[in-house]
């Protein structure tokens, strides 16, 4: 096993990975809030932590990856409510929030399945963790770190909000490095008059008349706040003091700060040893966000560029840094994939690489051990390819295949050397032409069906700047 070091947001330093349970690593990463279809920015943590798991397993660690789904949240209620001003008839009518959440969860799974990286070991839903969430809040109330406040007026059914006492945690702010006086929980004015302190945040929200979902609790009907959901889900599957807690850098405050505080005061120890945050994807210089409207939906990006180019694009920048999104960036990723395919065509398939070329592969894995430095690792991979090309002799593809598998690109197949697809499979060429026509007509359902038909015939579509090409699928 290599000495793996990862950047910890709380300490601001690189920390040596020292698993709580020797030889085993637990990772929890915050997944999407399912009120709409996910965009390419939502895919970055999924890819980063899925491939971190692969690397750690390559190093000999038994690794458990948990990525949750937040299916109980204000944003879901808001998105499900009727909007008379909407141009969308379904949006004007509104729909049950649970139905919307279930549909968007299914689309999230299908969209991330298309990345070809497999599923996390566990994908807990907030709606299915309610007993643990309520018990967690009870512990905080009993210990004096949280307090209920009656909601509503006389004659209404008894129900309460429950708030966390932020100042009861002397280490609050240690993760985000913010002065407590400068913090805003982002909860707006709703509930502010019921808090002991404006800094306090909601653990439980009393049921309101315009909400179509609620759960029973000692404080009456209601639902949990966002932050307590993740604390309960993470602890239920990984325990307290697990190894790595991940997510986007936009979650450091208030979400992860509040998660850390809840566990610290309830359990007397830190929720996680290392807090690992990926940077945002930027579109025209701004963070990509649904609220801003500058988003590129994952399934559309995959349809246009293909999963291999999307994966290598997401690996092209260090995970902690912002990543620019543009057609030029994706085009560069396509060219990188083509270089790899060209190299595979010239290599001896399924044979070991020359021992004296192993230094490039070793450097690849050393780069990943140094704060999961994927751009440095990619540079090592392409240095290996340059060396293989320079030799101009039969070189086995073993090292390259090992590196590609760590990056989820093990299915890459070489480009055919002078092969004529029209002569080999004219029906596949005809299906490709029909698929291009469907895309021009923006009939993406039909385009997806045609892609599946082409795949069933043994071909993968590679979309590039010069047009679509048919590549043999992995066997």
Protein backbone atom coordinates (compact mmCIF):
# COMPACT_ATOMS: atom_id res chain seq x y z
CA UNK A 1 0.00 0.00 0.00
CA UNK A 2 1.24 3.47 -0.87
CA UNK A 3 1.21 6.28 1.67
CA UNK A 4 -1.97 8.08 0.56
CA UNK A 5 -2.34 11.75 1.49
CA UNK A 6 -5.52 13.80 1.06
CA UNK A 7 -6.29 17.46 1.67
CA UNK A 8 -8.41 18.00 4.75
CA UNK A 9 -10.58 21.12 4.65
CA UNK A 10 -10.73 21.43 8.42
CA UNK A 11 -6.98 21.44 9.07
CA UNK A 12 -6.08 22.96 5.70
CA UNK A 13 -3.33 20.37 5.38
CA UNK A 14 -2.51 17.14 3.63
CA UNK A 15 -3.28 14.30 6.02
CA UNK A 16 -2.00 10.74 5.82
CA UNK A 17 -4.87 8.33 5.33
CA UNK A 18 -4.91 6.22 8.48
CA UNK A 19 -8.08 4.12 8.36
CA UNK A 20 -10.10 3.74 11.54
CA UNK A 21 -10.27 0.04 10.75
CA UNK A 22 -6.92 -1.14 9.34
CA UNK A 23 -7.16 -2.06 5.68
CA UNK A 24 -10.70 -0.67 5.34
CA UNK A 25 -11.77 2.80 4.20
CA UNK A 26 -15.23 4.33 4.55
CA UNK A 27 -16.23 7.24 2.29
CA UNK A 28 -19.45 9.25 2.53
CA UNK A 29 -20.18 11.81 -0.20
CA UNK A 30 -23.20 14.07 -0.35
CA UNK A 31 -25.36 13.27 -3.35
CA UNK A 32 -28.04 15.30 -5.12
CA UNK A 33 -31.23 16.89 -3.87
CA UNK A 34 -33.65 15.36 -6.35
CA UNK A 35 -35.92 18.20 -7.45
CA UNK A 36 -34.74 18.22 -11.08
CA UNK A 37 -32.42 16.35 -13.41
CA UNK A 38 -28.72 16.55 -12.54
CA UNK A 39 -26.18 18.63 -14.45
CA UNK A 40 -22.51 18.03 -15.26
CA UNK A 41 -21.51 19.83 -12.05
CA UNK A 42 -23.47 17.32 -9.96
CA UNK A 43 -21.55 14.55 -11.74
CA UNK A 44 -18.14 15.77 -10.58
CA UNK A 45 -18.33 14.46 -6.98
CA UNK A 46 -19.89 11.21 -8.23
CA UNK A 47 -16.92 10.67 -10.55
CA UNK A 48 -14.25 11.90 -8.10
CA UNK A 49 -15.33 9.67 -5.23
CA UNK A 50 -16.18 6.66 -7.41
CA UNK A 51 -12.67 6.77 -8.86
CA UNK A 52 -11.05 7.49 -5.49
CA UNK A 53 -12.66 4.23 -4.37
CA UNK A 54 -11.14 2.44 -7.40
CA UNK A 55 -7.69 3.83 -6.63
CA UNK A 56 -7.86 2.84 -2.97
CA UNK A 57 -8.98 -0.65 -3.95
CA UNK A 58 -6.03 -0.83 -6.35
CA UNK A 59 -3.83 -0.04 -3.37
CA UNK A 60 -5.31 -2.92 -1.41
CA UNK A 61 -7.90 -1.16 0.75
CA UNK A 62 -11.37 -2.62 1.17
CA UNK A 63 -13.38 0.51 0.42
CA UNK A 64 -17.04 1.28 1.11
CA UNK A 65 -18.54 4.22 -0.76
CA UNK A 66 -21.81 5.79 0.38
CA UNK A 67 -23.50 8.51 -1.71
CA UNK A 68 -26.86 9.59 -0.36
CA UNK A 69 -29.95 10.94 -2.09
CA UNK A 70 -31.74 13.87 -0.46
CA UNK A 71 -35.37 13.20 -1.29
CA UNK A 72 -36.92 15.29 1.52
CA UNK A 73 -36.12 18.97 1.15
CA UNK A 74 -37.66 22.43 0.72
CA UNK A 75 -36.48 22.58 -2.90
CA UNK A 76 -38.49 19.46 -3.74
CA UNK A 77 -41.65 20.89 -2.17
CA UNK A 78 -41.15 24.15 -4.08
CA UNK A 79 -40.56 22.37 -7.40
CA UNK A 80 -43.64 20.17 -6.96
CA UNK A 81 -46.06 22.98 -6.14
CA UNK A 82 -48.37 24.34 -8.80
CA UNK A 83 -47.01 27.37 -10.65
CA UNK A 84 -49.85 29.10 -12.55
CA UNK A 85 -47.36 31.28 -14.47
CA UNK A 86 -45.37 28.34 -15.87
CA UNK A 87 -45.42 27.55 -19.60
CA UNK A 88 -45.23 23.85 -18.71
CA UNK A 89 -48.77 22.42 -18.23
CA UNK A 90 -47.49 19.85 -15.70
CA UNK A 91 -45.78 22.58 -13.71
CA UNK A 92 -48.94 24.71 -13.74
CA UNK A 93 -50.92 21.83 -12.25
CA UNK A 94 -48.31 20.76 -9.71
CA UNK A 95 -47.74 17.19 -8.50
CA UNK A 96 -47.10 15.21 -5.30
CA UNK A 97 -43.63 15.95 -3.98
CA UNK A 98 -42.87 12.26 -3.34
CA UNK A 99 -43.74 11.47 -6.95
CA UNK A 100 -41.39 14.19 -8.22
CA UNK A 101 -38.59 12.99 -5.92
CA UNK A 102 -39.01 9.36 -7.02
CA UNK A 103 -38.94 10.30 -10.70
CA UNK A 104 -35.85 12.49 -10.33
CA UNK A 105 -34.10 9.82 -8.24
CA UNK A 106 -34.67 7.28 -11.02
CA UNK A 107 -33.32 9.73 -13.61
CA UNK A 108 -30.30 10.47 -11.40
CA UNK A 109 -29.53 6.75 -11.25
CA UNK A 110 -29.93 6.28 -15.00
CA UNK A 111 -27.85 9.37 -15.80
CA UNK A 112 -24.99 8.34 -13.51
CA UNK A 113 -25.26 4.73 -14.71
CA UNK A 114 -24.42 6.11 -18.15
CA UNK A 115 -21.02 7.21 -16.76
CA UNK A 116 -20.16 3.51 -16.65
CA UNK A 117 -18.46 3.63 -13.23
CA UNK A 118 -20.80 1.33 -11.35
CA UNK A 119 -22.93 2.22 -8.34
CA UNK A 120 -21.83 3.24 -4.83
CA UNK A 121 -22.01 0.47 -2.22
CA UNK A 122 -24.91 2.23 -0.49
CA UNK A 123 -27.29 4.98 -1.69
CA UNK A 124 -29.50 5.81 1.30
CA UNK A 125 -32.64 7.92 0.94
CA UNK A 126 -33.53 10.50 3.58
CA UNK A 127 -37.16 9.34 3.41
CA UNK A 128 -36.10 5.82 4.42
CA UNK A 129 -33.89 6.96 7.34
CA UNK A 130 -36.58 8.81 9.29
CA UNK A 131 -36.43 6.72 12.48
CA UNK A 132 -32.67 7.29 12.78
CA UNK A 133 -33.07 11.00 12.07
CA UNK A 134 -35.73 11.43 14.77
CA UNK A 135 -33.63 9.48 17.29
CA UNK A 136 -30.63 11.68 16.49
CA UNK A 137 -32.64 14.85 17.15
CA UNK A 138 -33.95 13.37 20.41
CA UNK A 139 -30.35 12.86 21.57
CA UNK A 140 -29.54 16.49 20.80
CA UNK A 141 -32.64 17.76 22.64
CA UNK A 142 -31.98 15.53 25.66
CA UNK A 143 -28.39 16.76 25.90
CA UNK A 144 -29.42 20.42 25.73
CA UNK A 145 -27.84 21.10 22.34
CA UNK A 146 -31.25 21.52 20.67
CA UNK A 147 -34.64 22.90 21.70
CA UNK A 148 -38.22 22.63 20.43
CA UNK A 149 -40.39 25.69 19.88
CA UNK A 150 -44.17 25.55 19.50
CA UNK A 151 -45.31 26.30 15.96
CA UNK A 152 -48.66 27.86 15.08
CA UNK A 153 -51.41 29.41 17.14
CA UNK A 154 -54.17 28.34 19.53
CA UNK A 155 -56.47 25.61 18.26
CA UNK A 156 -53.91 24.19 15.85
CA UNK A 157 -52.58 20.66 16.22
CA UNK A 158 -49.63 20.59 18.59
CA UNK A 159 -46.37 20.61 16.66
CA UNK A 160 -42.98 22.22 17.05
CA UNK A 161 -39.86 23.23 15.19
CA UNK A 162 -36.60 22.00 16.70
CA UNK A 163 -33.44 24.12 16.45
CA UNK A 164 -29.78 23.36 17.08
CA UNK A 165 -27.98 25.64 19.57
CA UNK A 166 -24.98 26.66 17.51
CA UNK A 167 -23.17 28.39 20.39
CA UNK A 168 -23.35 25.18 22.44
CA UNK A 169 -20.54 23.82 20.26
CA UNK A 170 -17.31 25.67 21.10
CA UNK A 171 -15.67 24.34 17.91
CA UNK A 172 -18.39 25.57 15.56
CA UNK A 173 -16.76 27.21 12.54
CA UNK A 174 -13.63 25.03 12.65
CA UNK A 175 -14.45 23.34 9.34
CA UNK A 176 -15.31 26.41 7.27
CA UNK A 177 -12.88 28.73 9.10
CA UNK A 178 -15.51 31.42 9.52
CA UNK A 179 -16.03 33.74 12.43
CA UNK A 180 -19.28 32.85 14.10
CA UNK A 181 -20.45 36.47 13.89
CA UNK A 182 -20.15 36.36 10.08
CA UNK A 183 -22.33 33.29 9.58
CA UNK A 184 -25.75 33.13 7.97
CA UNK A 185 -27.50 29.77 7.88
CA UNK A 186 -29.29 30.69 4.67
CA UNK A 187 -32.70 29.83 6.11
CA UNK A 188 -34.14 33.28 5.42
CA UNK A 189 -36.67 34.87 7.73
CA UNK A 190 -38.80 31.71 8.05
CA UNK A 191 -38.63 30.63 11.69
CA UNK A 192 -36.30 33.46 12.72
CA UNK A 193 -38.73 34.76 15.36
CA UNK A 194 -38.77 31.33 17.04
CA UNK A 195 -35.01 30.91 17.38
CA UNK A 196 -33.11 31.69 20.55
CA UNK A 197 -30.25 32.92 18.38
CA UNK A 198 -30.25 33.87 14.67
CA UNK A 199 -27.30 31.49 14.22
CA UNK A 200 -29.34 28.44 15.20
CA UNK A 201 -30.56 26.14 12.43
CA UNK A 202 -33.52 23.81 12.00
CA UNK A 203 -33.27 20.12 12.83
CA UNK A 204 -37.02 19.50 12.52
CA UNK A 205 -39.64 21.59 10.75
CA UNK A 206 -43.28 21.48 11.79
CA UNK A 207 -45.72 20.45 9.08
CA UNK A 208 -47.28 23.35 7.17
CA UNK A 209 -50.61 23.39 5.38
CA UNK A 210 -49.14 23.72 1.88
CA UNK A 211 -46.84 20.69 2.30
CA UNK A 212 -48.08 17.28 1.17
CA UNK A 213 -45.68 15.13 3.20
CA UNK A 214 -44.97 14.75 6.90
CA UNK A 215 -43.73 12.21 9.43
CA UNK A 216 -44.58 11.60 13.08
CA UNK A 217 -42.19 12.67 15.81
CA UNK A 218 -42.16 13.60 19.53
CA UNK A 219 -42.65 17.20 18.34
CA UNK A 220 -45.69 16.47 16.19
CA UNK A 221 -46.02 16.03 12.45
CA UNK A 222 -43.20 17.47 10.37
CA UNK A 223 -40.02 16.69 8.50
CA UNK A 224 -36.27 16.95 9.11
CA UNK A 225 -33.89 19.71 8.15
CA UNK A 226 -31.28 18.99 5.50
CA UNK A 227 -28.20 18.82 7.72
CA UNK A 228 -29.44 16.23 10.22
CA UNK A 229 -30.44 13.92 7.36
CA UNK A 230 -26.82 13.45 6.28
CA UNK A 231 -25.47 13.04 9.82
CA UNK A 232 -27.97 10.23 10.42
CA UNK A 233 -27.43 8.51 7.06
CA UNK A 234 -23.64 8.63 7.32
CA UNK A 235 -23.57 7.31 10.87
CA UNK A 236 -26.08 4.56 10.17
CA UNK A 237 -23.85 3.05 7.47
CA UNK A 238 -20.29 4.00 8.46
CA UNK A 239 -20.47 4.76 12.17
CA UNK A 240 -18.74 7.75 13.77
CA UNK A 241 -15.13 8.66 13.00
CA UNK A 242 -15.14 7.18 9.50
CA UNK A 243 -12.34 8.03 7.15
CA UNK A 244 -13.43 10.45 4.42
CA UNK A 245 -16.42 12.78 4.10
CA UNK A 246 -16.70 14.28 0.64
CA UNK A 247 -18.79 16.67 -1.40
CA UNK A 248 -18.69 19.88 -3.36
CA UNK A 249 -16.93 22.94 -1.94
CA UNK A 250 -20.27 24.77 -1.93
CA UNK A 251 -21.34 22.44 0.91
CA UNK A 252 -18.57 23.39 3.36
CA UNK A 253 -20.88 25.96 4.96
CA UNK A 254 -23.49 25.61 6.19
CA UNK A 255 -24.17 21.96 5.35
CA UNK A 256 -20.95 20.23 6.37
CA UNK A 257 -20.22 22.66 9.20
CA UNK A 258 -23.60 21.76 10.68
CA UNK A 259 -23.16 18.04 10.10
CA UNK A 260 -19.83 18.14 11.93
CA UNK A 261 -21.26 20.16 14.84
CA UNK A 262 -24.27 17.88 15.33
CA UNK A 263 -22.15 14.76 15.57
CA UNK A 264 -19.43 16.38 17.66
CA UNK A 265 -21.79 17.38 20.46
CA UNK A 266 -24.10 14.35 20.20
CA UNK A 267 -21.40 11.68 20.03
CA UNK A 268 -18.36 13.34 21.59
CA UNK A 269 -16.15 12.77 18.55
CA UNK A 270 -15.75 13.92 14.97
CA UNK A 271 -18.01 12.50 12.28
CA UNK A 272 -15.10 12.02 9.86
CA UNK A 273 -11.32 12.11 9.95
CA UNK A 274 -10.82 13.86 6.59
CA UNK A 275 -13.19 16.36 4.96
CA UNK A 276 -12.50 16.32 1.23
CA UNK A 277 -14.14 18.87 -1.11
CA UNK A 278 -14.16 19.13 -4.88
CA UNK A 279 -14.26 22.47 -6.70
CA UNK A 280 -17.16 23.69 -8.77
CA UNK A 281 -17.60 23.45 -12.53
CA UNK A 282 -17.74 26.95 -13.98
CA UNK A 283 -19.75 28.07 -16.97
CA UNK A 284 -18.81 31.57 -18.26
CA UNK A 285 -16.88 32.19 -15.07
CA UNK A 286 -19.73 31.40 -12.66
CA UNK A 287 -20.46 28.28 -10.63
CA UNK A 288 -22.80 26.05 -12.57
CA UNK A 289 -26.09 26.03 -10.67
CA UNK A 290 -29.76 25.35 -11.34
CA UNK A 291 -30.66 28.54 -9.46
CA UNK A 292 -28.53 30.61 -11.86
CA UNK A 293 -29.78 28.79 -14.94
CA UNK A 294 -26.35 28.23 -16.49
CA UNK A 295 -26.46 24.46 -16.50
CA UNK A 296 -25.58 21.67 -18.89
CA UNK A 297 -27.61 18.58 -18.06
CA UNK A 298 -25.49 15.47 -17.66
CA UNK A 299 -27.53 13.26 -19.96
CA UNK A 300 -27.31 15.85 -22.76
CA UNK A 301 -23.55 16.25 -22.34
CA UNK A 302 -23.15 12.47 -22.43
CA UNK A 303 -25.33 12.27 -25.53
CA UNK A 304 -23.23 14.89 -27.31
CA UNK A 305 -19.72 13.87 -26.28
CA UNK A 306 -19.90 10.27 -25.03
CA UNK A 307 -19.08 8.91 -21.58
CA UNK A 308 -15.35 8.40 -22.16
CA UNK A 309 -14.76 12.04 -23.08
CA UNK A 310 -16.91 13.22 -20.16
CA UNK A 311 -15.01 11.09 -17.65
CA UNK A 312 -11.59 12.18 -18.89
CA UNK A 313 -12.77 15.81 -18.96
CA UNK A 314 -13.76 15.58 -15.28
CA UNK A 315 -10.33 14.12 -14.47
CA UNK A 316 -8.48 16.84 -16.39
CA UNK A 317 -8.39 19.31 -13.48
CA UNK A 318 -7.34 18.77 -9.89
CA UNK A 319 -10.44 17.87 -7.91
CA UNK A 320 -9.98 20.78 -5.47
CA UNK A 321 -9.86 23.42 -8.22
CA UNK A 322 -12.70 24.92 -10.30
CA UNK A 323 -13.11 23.29 -13.71
CA UNK A 324 -14.07 25.29 -16.79
CA UNK A 325 -16.91 23.94 -18.91
CA UNK A 326 -16.96 24.66 -22.64
CA UNK A 327 -17.12 22.95 -26.00
CA UNK A 328 -13.37 23.52 -26.32
CA UNK A 329 -12.69 21.67 -23.06
CA UNK A 330 -14.85 18.72 -24.12
CA UNK A 331 -13.27 18.74 -27.57
CA UNK A 332 -9.85 18.45 -25.95
CA UNK A 333 -11.15 15.52 -23.92
CA UNK A 334 -12.37 13.83 -27.12
CA UNK A 335 -8.90 14.20 -28.63
CA UNK A 336 -7.33 12.65 -25.55
CA UNK A 337 -9.61 9.64 -25.85
CA UNK A 338 -8.72 9.31 -29.52
CA UNK A 339 -5.00 9.32 -28.65
CA UNK A 340 -5.57 6.49 -26.20
CA UNK A 341 -7.57 4.48 -28.75
CA UNK A 342 -4.85 5.03 -31.37
CA UNK A 343 -2.23 3.80 -28.90
CA UNK A 344 -4.26 0.70 -28.04
CA UNK A 345 -4.44 -0.17 -31.73
CA UNK A 346 -0.65 -0.23 -31.98
CA UNK A 347 -0.05 -2.16 -28.74
CA UNK A 348 0.12 -5.90 -28.15
CA UNK A 349 -3.24 -6.68 -26.59
CA UNK A 350 -3.52 -8.48 -23.26
CA UNK A 351 0.22 -8.80 -22.74
CA UNK A 352 2.55 -7.38 -20.06
CA UNK A 353 4.37 -4.15 -20.72
CA UNK A 354 8.19 -4.03 -20.80
CA UNK A 355 9.47 -3.82 -17.20
CA UNK A 356 11.63 -0.78 -17.96
CA UNK A 357 8.49 1.23 -18.88
CA UNK A 358 6.89 0.57 -15.49
CA UNK A 359 8.25 3.81 -14.06
CA UNK A 360 5.56 5.84 -15.84
CA UNK A 361 2.77 3.65 -14.40
CA UNK A 362 4.35 3.87 -10.94
CA UNK A 363 4.44 7.66 -11.28
CA UNK A 364 0.75 7.55 -12.26
CA UNK A 365 -0.22 5.85 -9.01
CA UNK A 366 2.15 8.00 -6.95
CA UNK A 367 0.37 11.08 -8.34
CA UNK A 368 -2.96 9.69 -7.16
CA UNK A 369 -1.47 9.01 -3.73
CA UNK A 370 -0.55 12.72 -3.54
CA UNK A 371 -4.00 14.21 -2.94
CA UNK A 372 -5.61 12.32 -5.83
CA UNK A 373 -3.82 14.43 -8.43
CA UNK A 374 -5.61 13.20 -11.56
CA UNK A 375 -4.13 15.75 -14.04
CA UNK A 376 -0.61 14.75 -12.98
CA UNK A 377 -1.60 11.09 -13.28
CA UNK A 378 -2.98 11.70 -16.78
CA UNK A 379 0.31 13.33 -17.75
CA UNK A 380 2.09 10.15 -16.62
CA UNK A 381 -0.34 8.03 -18.65
CA UNK A 382 0.33 10.02 -21.81
CA UNK A 383 4.07 9.95 -21.13
CA UNK A 384 3.76 6.15 -21.10
CA UNK A 385 1.97 6.33 -24.47
CA UNK A 386 4.66 8.64 -25.91
CA UNK A 387 7.35 6.20 -24.79
CA UNK A 388 5.47 3.28 -26.37
CA UNK A 389 5.08 5.21 -29.63
CA UNK A 390 8.75 6.22 -29.61
CA UNK A 391 9.88 2.61 -29.32
CA UNK A 392 8.02 1.65 -32.45
CA UNK A 393 8.12 -2.00 -31.48
CA UNK A 394 5.63 -4.46 -30.08
CA UNK A 395 4.79 -3.19 -26.60
CA UNK A 396 2.26 -4.91 -24.35
CA UNK A 397 -0.74 -2.90 -23.17
CA UNK A 398 -0.74 -4.21 -19.58
CA UNK A 399 0.39 -1.03 -17.82
CA UNK A 400 -1.92 1.15 -19.88
CA UNK A 401 -4.90 -1.10 -19.18
CA UNK A 402 -4.13 -0.97 -15.45
CA UNK A 403 -4.10 2.83 -15.47
CA UNK A 404 -7.24 3.07 -17.60
CA UNK A 405 -9.15 0.72 -15.28
CA UNK A 406 -8.37 2.99 -12.33
CA UNK A 407 -9.97 5.85 -14.24
CA UNK A 408 -13.02 3.85 -15.29
CA UNK A 409 -11.86 3.67 -18.90
CA UNK A 410 -11.18 -0.06 -19.04
CA UNK A 411 -13.80 -0.51 -21.78
CA UNK A 412 -11.87 1.58 -24.31
CA UNK A 413 -11.17 -0.34 -27.49
CA UNK A 414 -8.62 0.50 -30.19
CA UNK A 415 -9.61 2.22 -33.38
CA UNK A 416 -9.79 -0.19 -36.29
CA UNK A 417 -6.73 0.03 -38.56
CA UNK A 418 -8.17 1.01 -41.92
CA UNK A 419 -11.37 -0.94 -41.32
CA UNK A 420 -14.44 0.04 -43.37
CA UNK A 421 -17.51 0.00 -41.12
CA UNK A 422 -19.76 0.35 -44.16
CA UNK A 423 -18.43 -2.92 -45.51
CA UNK A 424 -18.48 -4.67 -42.12
CA UNK A 425 -21.92 -3.53 -40.89
CA UNK A 426 -23.89 -1.31 -43.27
CA UNK A 427 -26.97 -1.55 -41.01
CA UNK A 428 -25.03 0.10 -38.16
CA UNK A 429 -24.08 2.94 -40.51
CA UNK A 430 -27.74 3.41 -41.50
CA UNK A 431 -28.80 3.46 -37.84
CA UNK A 432 -26.12 6.07 -37.15
CA UNK A 433 -27.52 8.30 -39.90
CA UNK A 434 -31.03 7.95 -38.46
CA UNK A 435 -29.71 8.78 -35.00
CA UNK A 436 -28.08 11.97 -36.32
CA UNK A 437 -31.37 12.99 -37.92
CA UNK A 438 -33.18 12.42 -34.60
CA UNK A 439 -30.63 14.59 -32.81
CA UNK A 440 -31.08 17.39 -35.34
CA UNK A 441 -34.82 17.19 -34.68
CA UNK A 442 -34.05 17.23 -30.89
CA UNK A 443 -35.84 13.90 -30.52
CA UNK A 444 -33.47 12.67 -27.83
CA UNK A 445 -35.65 9.69 -26.89
CA UNK A 446 -35.41 8.35 -30.44
CA UNK A 447 -31.67 9.13 -30.52
CA UNK A 448 -31.20 7.15 -27.31
CA UNK A 449 -33.14 4.19 -28.74
CA UNK A 450 -31.01 4.21 -31.89
CA UNK A 451 -27.82 4.39 -29.82
CA UNK A 452 -29.00 1.26 -27.98
CA UNK A 453 -29.70 -0.52 -31.27
CA UNK A 454 -26.22 0.36 -32.50
CA UNK A 455 -24.71 -0.86 -29.21
CA UNK A 456 -26.63 -4.13 -29.56
CA UNK A 457 -24.83 -4.62 -32.89
CA UNK A 458 -21.46 -4.22 -31.15
CA UNK A 459 -20.64 -0.57 -31.83
CA UNK A 460 -20.09 2.51 -29.69
CA UNK A 461 -20.71 6.00 -31.05
CA UNK A 462 -17.84 8.43 -30.58
CA UNK A 463 -19.01 12.01 -31.17
CA UNK A 464 -16.15 14.26 -32.21
CA UNK A 465 -15.65 17.63 -33.86
CA UNK A 466 -15.36 15.87 -37.23
CA UNK A 467 -18.64 14.02 -36.73
CA UNK A 468 -19.80 10.72 -35.20
CA UNK A 469 -17.73 7.56 -35.62
CA UNK A 470 -18.51 3.92 -34.89
CA UNK A 471 -16.00 2.22 -32.59
CA UNK A 472 -16.04 -1.49 -31.67
CA UNK A 473 -17.54 -2.00 -28.22
CA UNK A 474 -15.55 -3.66 -25.47
CA UNK A 475 -15.99 -7.39 -25.25
